[in-house]
């Protein structure tokens, strides 16, 4: 997507008129005013006021494999509600894959190319970048494991341009978006959907496509976890072990990076997470530093495996990893222990593992939109080749 100026202006118009689903007020009583050392208040989610026709268009685009070069991969292929809007794979399988979630595999394993990193959930990405006081800027919200892209609008089109995710050999990276737009223009139902959402006779553009997908993605929220209910006053929503874990979360050092209502500082940190053996080269992270963005801890129940390389299958695995770091042992041969962020080296799990896991599980909420469209405008299989 090259026309950043026009996209920015379009976004400003949409934000000023609707505020999408995020609060434009600083005096919202539900937003945390806590310091970074304290447990944040529950996530505040407002009902979307965005144009429902834009949301409807975005949902169709999200599920339609017409956006991929070979017409077999959709956004929903790797971000499916059955898998918490992730895919339950260590490394995603886009182009040339068949099946859903942990059952997905390459049609031809000899030629299949894995996506380079673990697929993160779409749930609550509307709030990426939120700080401990509940403030955030959707136009500058960090996306991807290395924060290389800002905003859901810009994020939404990157997989379309990426060879192993959706593009394939049908398009080049340069012409991928224009090629997809040309396809959409030839589908009468999309002509009507784009016109209803954006008006005018030239509504089918890459910019409008990205806005529609992002607007739909911002409706995918999960904010009624046991932790949320507990912080709203329902004191029976968490048991004694979970409350013990909530307190330990602060004292052992987890909140140094996992803070705020989204349980992430959205900063890059060097952890020395092991590389995935399926990849030929080591993943050096943001700008070759081995730094990766702090993942939110929300909805981890449904989104294993974990970390950018997907090498940890359980929360126990992750806590053991932090224990090894605390013992002075880097877990990646390309990262010296002195390079590991001091916050990470100072985490002390000790005997709190069971309580911490119990608490982290209270951050999951299964009450989110799981609806799958019966059809999409292209008449291809919704979600792509996932049967």
Protein backbone atom coordinates (compact mmCIF):
# COMPACT_ATOMS: atom_id res chain seq x y z
CA UNK A 1 0.00 0.00 0.00
CA UNK A 2 1.73 3.15 -1.23
CA UNK A 3 -0.81 5.93 -0.77
CA UNK A 4 -0.21 6.51 2.94
CA UNK A 5 -1.35 10.12 2.82
CA UNK A 6 -4.80 9.32 1.48
CA UNK A 7 -5.19 6.45 3.92
CA UNK A 8 -4.22 8.71 6.81
CA UNK A 9 -6.79 11.34 5.79
CA UNK A 10 -9.48 8.70 5.36
CA UNK A 11 -8.73 7.32 8.78
CA UNK A 12 -8.95 10.75 10.36
CA UNK A 13 -12.38 11.26 8.82
CA UNK A 14 -13.62 7.91 10.07
CA UNK A 15 -12.18 8.40 13.54
CA UNK A 16 -13.62 11.87 13.97
CA UNK A 17 -17.07 10.77 12.90
CA UNK A 18 -17.37 7.46 14.67
CA UNK A 19 -14.41 6.81 17.00
CA UNK A 20 -14.78 3.19 15.85
CA UNK A 21 -15.01 1.12 19.01
CA UNK A 22 -12.43 2.89 21.11
CA UNK A 23 -13.06 5.65 23.58
CA UNK A 24 -12.29 9.20 22.53
CA UNK A 25 -12.74 10.45 26.08
CA UNK A 26 -10.13 10.72 28.82
CA UNK A 27 -12.63 10.84 31.70
CA UNK A 28 -14.06 7.37 31.27
CA UNK A 29 -14.41 5.98 34.81
CA UNK A 30 -13.66 2.42 33.68
CA UNK A 31 -10.23 3.25 32.28
CA UNK A 32 -7.38 2.50 34.65
CA UNK A 33 -5.53 5.36 36.29
CA UNK A 34 -3.26 2.88 38.04
CA UNK A 35 0.51 3.08 38.01
CA UNK A 36 2.47 0.41 36.18
CA UNK A 37 3.16 -1.35 39.49
CA UNK A 38 -0.50 -1.97 40.24
CA UNK A 39 -3.01 -4.38 38.82
CA UNK A 40 -4.89 -2.55 36.04
CA UNK A 41 -8.62 -2.13 35.92
CA UNK A 42 -10.63 -4.28 33.54
CA UNK A 43 -10.55 -3.64 29.83
CA UNK A 44 -13.17 -1.10 28.79
CA UNK A 45 -14.79 -1.86 25.46
CA UNK A 46 -17.34 0.44 23.86
CA UNK A 47 -19.97 -0.70 21.40
CA UNK A 48 -18.83 0.00 17.87
CA UNK A 49 -20.32 3.09 16.28
CA UNK A 50 -18.57 2.50 12.97
CA UNK A 51 -20.67 2.23 9.84
CA UNK A 52 -22.28 -1.24 10.01
CA UNK A 53 -21.98 -1.51 6.25
CA UNK A 54 -18.22 -1.04 6.53
CA UNK A 55 -18.11 -3.77 9.17
CA UNK A 56 -20.18 -6.09 6.95
CA UNK A 57 -17.83 -5.48 4.01
CA UNK A 58 -14.79 -6.04 6.21
CA UNK A 59 -16.14 -9.36 7.42
CA UNK A 60 -16.66 -10.58 3.86
CA UNK A 61 -13.12 -9.54 2.90
CA UNK A 62 -11.70 -11.18 6.04
CA UNK A 63 -13.26 -14.52 5.09
CA UNK A 64 -12.84 -14.37 1.30
CA UNK A 65 -9.85 -16.21 -0.23
CA UNK A 66 -10.19 -14.03 -3.34
CA UNK A 67 -7.60 -11.83 -1.61
CA UNK A 68 -4.89 -14.49 -2.04
CA UNK A 69 -2.94 -15.21 -5.19
CA UNK A 70 -4.13 -18.79 -5.56
CA UNK A 71 -7.59 -18.04 -4.14
CA UNK A 72 -7.11 -20.62 -1.37
CA UNK A 73 -6.11 -18.55 1.69
CA UNK A 74 -8.14 -15.93 3.56
CA UNK A 75 -7.34 -13.80 6.59
CA UNK A 76 -9.54 -16.24 8.52
CA UNK A 77 -7.38 -19.20 7.50
CA UNK A 78 -4.78 -18.26 10.13
CA UNK A 79 -7.14 -16.21 12.32
CA UNK A 80 -10.14 -18.48 12.81
CA UNK A 81 -12.66 -18.14 15.67
CA UNK A 82 -12.40 -21.86 16.37
CA UNK A 83 -8.80 -21.16 17.37
CA UNK A 84 -9.33 -17.89 19.21
CA UNK A 85 -8.69 -15.99 15.97
CA UNK A 86 -5.22 -17.55 15.80
CA UNK A 87 -4.40 -20.97 14.28
CA UNK A 88 -2.98 -23.28 16.98
CA UNK A 89 0.17 -23.90 14.92
CA UNK A 90 3.74 -23.07 15.88
CA UNK A 91 4.28 -21.53 12.45
CA UNK A 92 1.34 -20.75 10.20
CA UNK A 93 0.68 -22.54 6.94
CA UNK A 94 -0.71 -20.20 4.34
CA UNK A 95 -0.07 -20.86 0.67
CA UNK A 96 -0.38 -24.49 -0.36
CA UNK A 97 -2.00 -25.64 2.86
CA UNK A 98 -5.18 -27.55 3.61
CA UNK A 99 -7.14 -28.02 6.81
CA UNK A 100 -7.81 -25.90 9.87
CA UNK A 101 -5.81 -25.18 13.00
CA UNK A 102 -3.55 -27.91 14.35
CA UNK A 103 -4.76 -30.21 11.54
CA UNK A 104 -3.58 -27.90 8.78
CA UNK A 105 -0.76 -29.25 6.62
CA UNK A 106 0.89 -28.71 3.26
CA UNK A 107 -0.56 -30.46 0.23
CA UNK A 108 3.05 -30.96 -0.86
CA UNK A 109 5.39 -30.96 2.14
CA UNK A 110 8.46 -30.86 -0.10
CA UNK A 111 7.56 -27.47 -1.57
CA UNK A 112 5.57 -25.92 1.29
CA UNK A 113 7.00 -22.81 2.94
CA UNK A 114 6.04 -21.99 6.51
CA UNK A 115 5.12 -18.47 7.54
CA UNK A 116 8.13 -17.16 9.43
CA UNK A 117 6.40 -16.47 12.76
CA UNK A 118 3.58 -17.66 14.98
CA UNK A 119 0.16 -16.24 14.16
CA UNK A 120 -1.07 -13.82 16.82
CA UNK A 121 -4.75 -13.55 17.70
CA UNK A 122 -6.86 -10.76 16.23
CA UNK A 123 -8.94 -10.56 19.42
CA UNK A 124 -8.60 -7.20 21.18
CA UNK A 125 -6.05 -5.88 18.68
CA UNK A 126 -8.35 -2.86 18.55
CA UNK A 127 -6.54 -1.86 21.75
CA UNK A 128 -2.94 -2.48 20.71
CA UNK A 129 -0.67 0.14 22.21
CA UNK A 130 -2.89 0.87 25.23
CA UNK A 131 -0.85 2.21 28.16
CA UNK A 132 -1.46 1.79 31.89
CA UNK A 133 -3.81 4.78 31.93
CA UNK A 134 -6.00 3.43 29.13
CA UNK A 135 -4.66 5.80 26.46
CA UNK A 136 -3.89 4.60 22.96
CA UNK A 137 -3.67 5.85 19.38
CA UNK A 138 -5.10 3.46 16.76
CA UNK A 139 -3.18 5.22 13.99
CA UNK A 140 0.10 4.32 15.67
CA UNK A 141 -0.84 0.99 17.22
CA UNK A 142 2.09 -1.46 16.92
CA UNK A 143 1.44 -4.59 14.87
CA UNK A 144 3.29 -7.84 14.24
CA UNK A 145 5.93 -9.40 16.50
CA UNK A 146 8.50 -6.79 15.49
CA UNK A 147 6.16 -3.75 15.47
CA UNK A 148 7.21 -3.05 11.88
CA UNK A 149 3.75 -1.77 10.96
CA UNK A 150 1.47 0.71 12.72
CA UNK A 151 -2.38 0.43 12.73
CA UNK A 152 -4.71 -2.39 11.82
CA UNK A 153 -5.31 -0.71 8.47
CA UNK A 154 -1.68 -1.11 7.45
CA UNK A 155 -1.40 -4.54 9.05
CA UNK A 156 -4.41 -5.92 7.19
CA UNK A 157 -2.79 -5.73 3.76
CA UNK A 158 0.69 -7.00 4.61
CA UNK A 159 -0.21 -10.72 4.38
CA UNK A 160 -1.70 -10.11 0.92
CA UNK A 161 1.74 -8.92 -0.22
CA UNK A 162 3.72 -11.68 1.51
CA UNK A 163 4.76 -14.68 -0.60
CA UNK A 164 4.23 -17.53 1.89
CA UNK A 165 1.14 -16.08 3.56
CA UNK A 166 -1.35 -15.16 0.83
CA UNK A 167 0.39 -13.80 -2.26
CA UNK A 168 2.11 -16.81 -3.80
CA UNK A 169 3.64 -16.61 -7.26
CA UNK A 170 0.53 -15.21 -8.97
CA UNK A 171 1.45 -11.62 -8.08
CA UNK A 172 4.55 -9.68 -7.27
CA UNK A 173 4.83 -7.87 -3.96
CA UNK A 174 4.54 -4.58 -5.81
CA UNK A 175 1.38 -5.37 -7.78
CA UNK A 176 -0.38 -7.66 -5.28
CA UNK A 177 -2.80 -5.07 -3.90
CA UNK A 178 -3.67 -3.67 -7.33
CA UNK A 179 -4.25 -7.20 -8.60
CA UNK A 180 -6.60 -8.02 -5.73
CA UNK A 181 -8.47 -4.74 -6.21
CA UNK A 182 -8.92 -5.61 -9.89
CA UNK A 183 -10.48 -8.92 -8.89
CA UNK A 184 -12.86 -7.23 -6.46
CA UNK A 185 -13.97 -4.75 -9.12
CA UNK A 186 -15.18 -7.65 -11.27
CA UNK A 187 -17.48 -9.04 -8.56
CA UNK A 188 -20.93 -7.37 -8.58
CA UNK A 189 -21.60 -8.02 -4.90
CA UNK A 190 -18.36 -6.29 -3.91
CA UNK A 191 -19.24 -3.36 -6.14
CA UNK A 192 -22.42 -2.90 -4.11
CA UNK A 193 -20.80 -3.54 -0.72
CA UNK A 194 -18.02 -1.00 -1.31
CA UNK A 195 -20.50 1.57 -2.60
CA UNK A 196 -22.73 1.11 0.44
CA UNK A 197 -19.75 1.42 2.78
CA UNK A 198 -17.85 4.29 1.16
CA UNK A 199 -20.10 5.87 -1.45
CA UNK A 200 -19.13 7.02 -4.91
CA UNK A 201 -18.52 5.07 -8.07
CA UNK A 202 -14.81 4.40 -7.49
CA UNK A 203 -15.07 2.96 -3.98
CA UNK A 204 -13.08 -0.23 -4.56
CA UNK A 205 -9.54 0.78 -3.64
CA UNK A 206 -6.73 -0.78 -1.62
CA UNK A 207 -7.15 1.95 0.97
CA UNK A 208 -10.87 1.27 1.43
CA UNK A 209 -10.22 -2.46 1.51
CA UNK A 210 -7.77 -2.03 4.38
CA UNK A 211 -10.14 0.29 6.27
CA UNK A 212 -13.01 -2.19 5.93
CA UNK A 213 -10.96 -5.16 7.17
CA UNK A 214 -9.58 -3.14 10.09
CA UNK A 215 -13.04 -1.87 11.02
CA UNK A 216 -14.33 -5.43 11.20
CA UNK A 217 -11.29 -6.59 13.18
CA UNK A 218 -11.95 -3.87 15.76
CA UNK A 219 -15.28 -5.51 16.53
CA UNK A 220 -13.50 -8.72 17.60
CA UNK A 221 -13.21 -8.15 21.33
CA UNK A 222 -13.26 -10.37 24.40
CA UNK A 223 -13.61 -8.34 27.58
CA UNK A 224 -15.70 -10.42 29.98
CA UNK A 225 -13.04 -12.69 31.43
CA UNK A 226 -13.14 -13.76 35.08
CA UNK A 227 -10.48 -11.12 35.75
CA UNK A 228 -12.62 -8.43 34.10
CA UNK A 229 -15.64 -9.46 36.13
CA UNK A 230 -13.57 -9.52 39.33
CA UNK A 231 -12.27 -6.01 38.73
CA UNK A 232 -15.81 -4.82 38.05
CA UNK A 233 -16.85 -5.98 41.51
CA UNK A 234 -17.86 -9.63 41.07
CA UNK A 235 -15.55 -10.93 43.78
CA UNK A 236 -16.59 -14.58 43.27
CA UNK A 237 -15.29 -14.49 39.69
CA UNK A 238 -11.79 -15.45 40.89
CA UNK A 239 -10.85 -18.09 43.45
CA UNK A 240 -8.14 -17.97 46.11
CA UNK A 241 -5.42 -19.51 43.95
CA UNK A 242 -6.16 -17.11 41.09
CA UNK A 243 -6.04 -14.11 43.44
CA UNK A 244 -2.76 -15.42 44.84
CA UNK A 245 -1.46 -15.56 41.27
CA UNK A 246 -2.67 -12.03 40.59
CA UNK A 247 -0.63 -10.76 43.52
CA UNK A 248 2.40 -12.88 42.60
CA UNK A 249 2.20 -11.51 39.05
CA UNK A 250 3.31 -8.17 40.49
CA UNK A 251 5.90 -9.36 42.97
CA UNK A 252 7.82 -11.80 40.75
CA UNK A 253 8.31 -9.26 37.95
CA UNK A 254 5.80 -10.28 35.27
CA UNK A 255 4.18 -6.83 35.34
CA UNK A 256 7.46 -5.23 34.32
CA UNK A 257 6.49 -5.90 30.70
CA UNK A 258 2.94 -7.29 30.93
CA UNK A 259 1.14 -4.26 32.30
CA UNK A 260 -1.95 -2.19 31.62
CA UNK A 261 -5.39 -3.53 30.75
CA UNK A 262 -3.97 -5.42 27.80
CA UNK A 263 -1.11 -6.88 29.86
CA UNK A 264 1.54 -5.61 27.48
CA UNK A 265 3.83 -2.60 27.41
CA UNK A 266 3.95 -2.98 23.59
CA UNK A 267 7.71 -2.51 23.67
CA UNK A 268 10.45 -4.58 22.06
CA UNK A 269 12.46 -6.79 24.41
CA UNK A 270 15.30 -9.27 23.90
CA UNK A 271 14.33 -12.58 25.57
CA UNK A 272 16.47 -15.23 23.82
CA UNK A 273 13.46 -17.35 22.83
CA UNK A 274 14.68 -20.41 20.88
CA UNK A 275 14.35 -20.41 17.12
CA UNK A 276 11.96 -22.78 15.41
CA UNK A 277 13.82 -25.71 13.86
CA UNK A 278 11.48 -25.63 10.85
CA UNK A 279 13.14 -22.44 9.66
CA UNK A 280 16.47 -22.50 7.87
CA UNK A 281 17.65 -19.21 9.38
CA UNK A 282 17.57 -17.72 12.85
CA UNK A 283 14.90 -15.05 13.36
CA UNK A 284 16.76 -11.94 14.50
CA UNK A 285 13.62 -9.94 15.26
CA UNK A 286 13.28 -6.18 14.97
CA UNK A 287 16.21 -4.64 13.07
CA UNK A 288 18.40 -7.66 13.76
CA UNK A 289 18.37 -7.06 17.53
CA UNK A 290 16.51 -10.26 18.52
CA UNK A 291 13.94 -7.94 20.06
CA UNK A 292 10.26 -8.84 19.86
CA UNK A 293 7.14 -7.04 21.02
CA UNK A 294 5.60 -8.01 24.34
CA UNK A 295 2.56 -10.17 23.62
CA UNK A 296 -0.71 -9.51 25.38
CA UNK A 297 -1.63 -12.18 27.92
CA UNK A 298 -5.32 -12.05 27.11
CA UNK A 299 -7.01 -15.17 25.74
CA UNK A 300 -3.96 -17.40 25.94
CA UNK A 301 -6.18 -20.39 26.72
CA UNK A 302 -7.24 -20.54 23.07
CA UNK A 303 -4.11 -19.37 21.29
CA UNK A 304 -1.28 -21.83 22.02
CA UNK A 305 1.49 -22.39 21.02
CA UNK A 306 3.33 -19.30 22.25
CA UNK A 307 6.09 -16.79 21.48
CA UNK A 308 7.13 -15.52 18.06
CA UNK A 309 8.60 -18.89 17.09
CA UNK A 310 5.74 -20.94 18.52
CA UNK A 311 8.18 -23.21 20.36
CA UNK A 312 6.32 -23.31 23.69
CA UNK A 313 3.21 -25.46 23.80
CA UNK A 314 2.06 -24.61 27.33
CA UNK A 315 2.24 -21.86 29.91
CA UNK A 316 4.37 -24.21 32.03
CA UNK A 317 6.91 -24.21 29.20
CA UNK A 318 7.03 -20.42 29.23
CA UNK A 319 7.51 -20.16 32.98
CA UNK A 320 10.30 -22.75 32.85
CA UNK A 321 11.91 -20.63 30.13
CA UNK A 322 11.88 -17.59 32.41
CA UNK A 323 13.33 -19.71 35.20
CA UNK A 324 16.24 -20.69 32.94
CA UNK A 325 16.84 -17.05 32.07
CA UNK A 326 16.85 -16.11 35.75
CA UNK A 327 19.49 -18.81 36.22
CA UNK A 328 21.76 -16.98 33.80
CA UNK A 329 21.24 -19.22 30.78
CA UNK A 330 20.36 -17.75 27.40
CA UNK A 331 17.96 -20.00 25.49
CA UNK A 332 19.11 -18.91 22.04
CA UNK A 333 22.74 -19.44 20.97
CA UNK A 334 22.62 -16.21 18.98
CA UNK A 335 21.82 -14.13 22.07
CA UNK A 336 24.28 -13.61 24.89
CA UNK A 337 22.70 -13.60 28.34
CA UNK A 338 23.96 -10.02 28.79
CA UNK A 339 21.85 -9.01 25.81
CA UNK A 340 18.67 -10.27 27.46
CA UNK A 341 16.55 -7.45 28.85
CA UNK A 342 17.29 -6.87 32.55
CA UNK A 343 13.56 -7.00 33.31
CA UNK A 344 13.48 -10.52 31.96
CA UNK A 345 16.61 -11.62 33.81
CA UNK A 346 15.11 -10.35 37.06
CA UNK A 347 11.85 -12.31 36.85
CA UNK A 348 11.71 -14.78 39.74
CA UNK A 349 8.96 -17.37 39.32
CA UNK A 350 10.11 -19.48 42.31
CA UNK A 351 7.18 -21.50 43.73
CA UNK A 352 4.44 -19.41 42.12
CA UNK A 353 4.04 -21.36 38.88
CA UNK A 354 0.63 -22.90 39.61
CA UNK A 355 -0.81 -19.67 40.95
CA UNK A 356 0.53 -17.61 38.05
CA UNK A 357 -0.95 -19.98 35.48
CA UNK A 358 -4.27 -19.96 37.30
CA UNK A 359 -4.28 -16.16 37.20
CA UNK A 360 -3.23 -15.90 33.54
CA UNK A 361 -6.08 -18.23 32.62
CA UNK A 362 -8.53 -15.77 34.20
CA UNK A 363 -7.61 -13.32 31.42
CA UNK A 364 -9.36 -15.49 28.83
CA UNK A 365 -12.92 -14.88 27.66
CA UNK A 366 -14.66 -17.29 25.30
CA UNK A 367 -17.57 -14.94 24.65
CA UNK A 368 -16.56 -13.42 21.32
CA UNK A 369 -17.95 -13.41 17.80
CA UNK A 370 -17.58 -16.90 16.34
CA UNK A 371 -19.92 -16.53 13.40
CA UNK A 372 -18.75 -17.81 10.04
CA UNK A 373 -20.42 -16.51 6.87
CA UNK A 374 -22.17 -19.18 4.84
CA UNK A 375 -20.93 -17.62 1.62
CA UNK A 376 -18.61 -14.86 0.45
CA UNK A 377 -19.06 -12.65 -2.65
CA UNK A 378 -16.45 -14.53 -4.70
CA UNK A 379 -18.39 -17.79 -4.15
CA UNK A 380 -15.14 -19.42 -3.01
CA UNK A 381 -15.00 -21.38 0.24
CA UNK A 382 -15.22 -19.02 3.24
CA UNK A 383 -11.89 -19.15 5.03
CA UNK A 384 -10.12 -20.73 2.08
CA UNK A 385 -8.92 -24.32 1.85
CA UNK A 386 -9.70 -25.26 5.46
CA UNK A 387 -11.96 -28.30 5.04
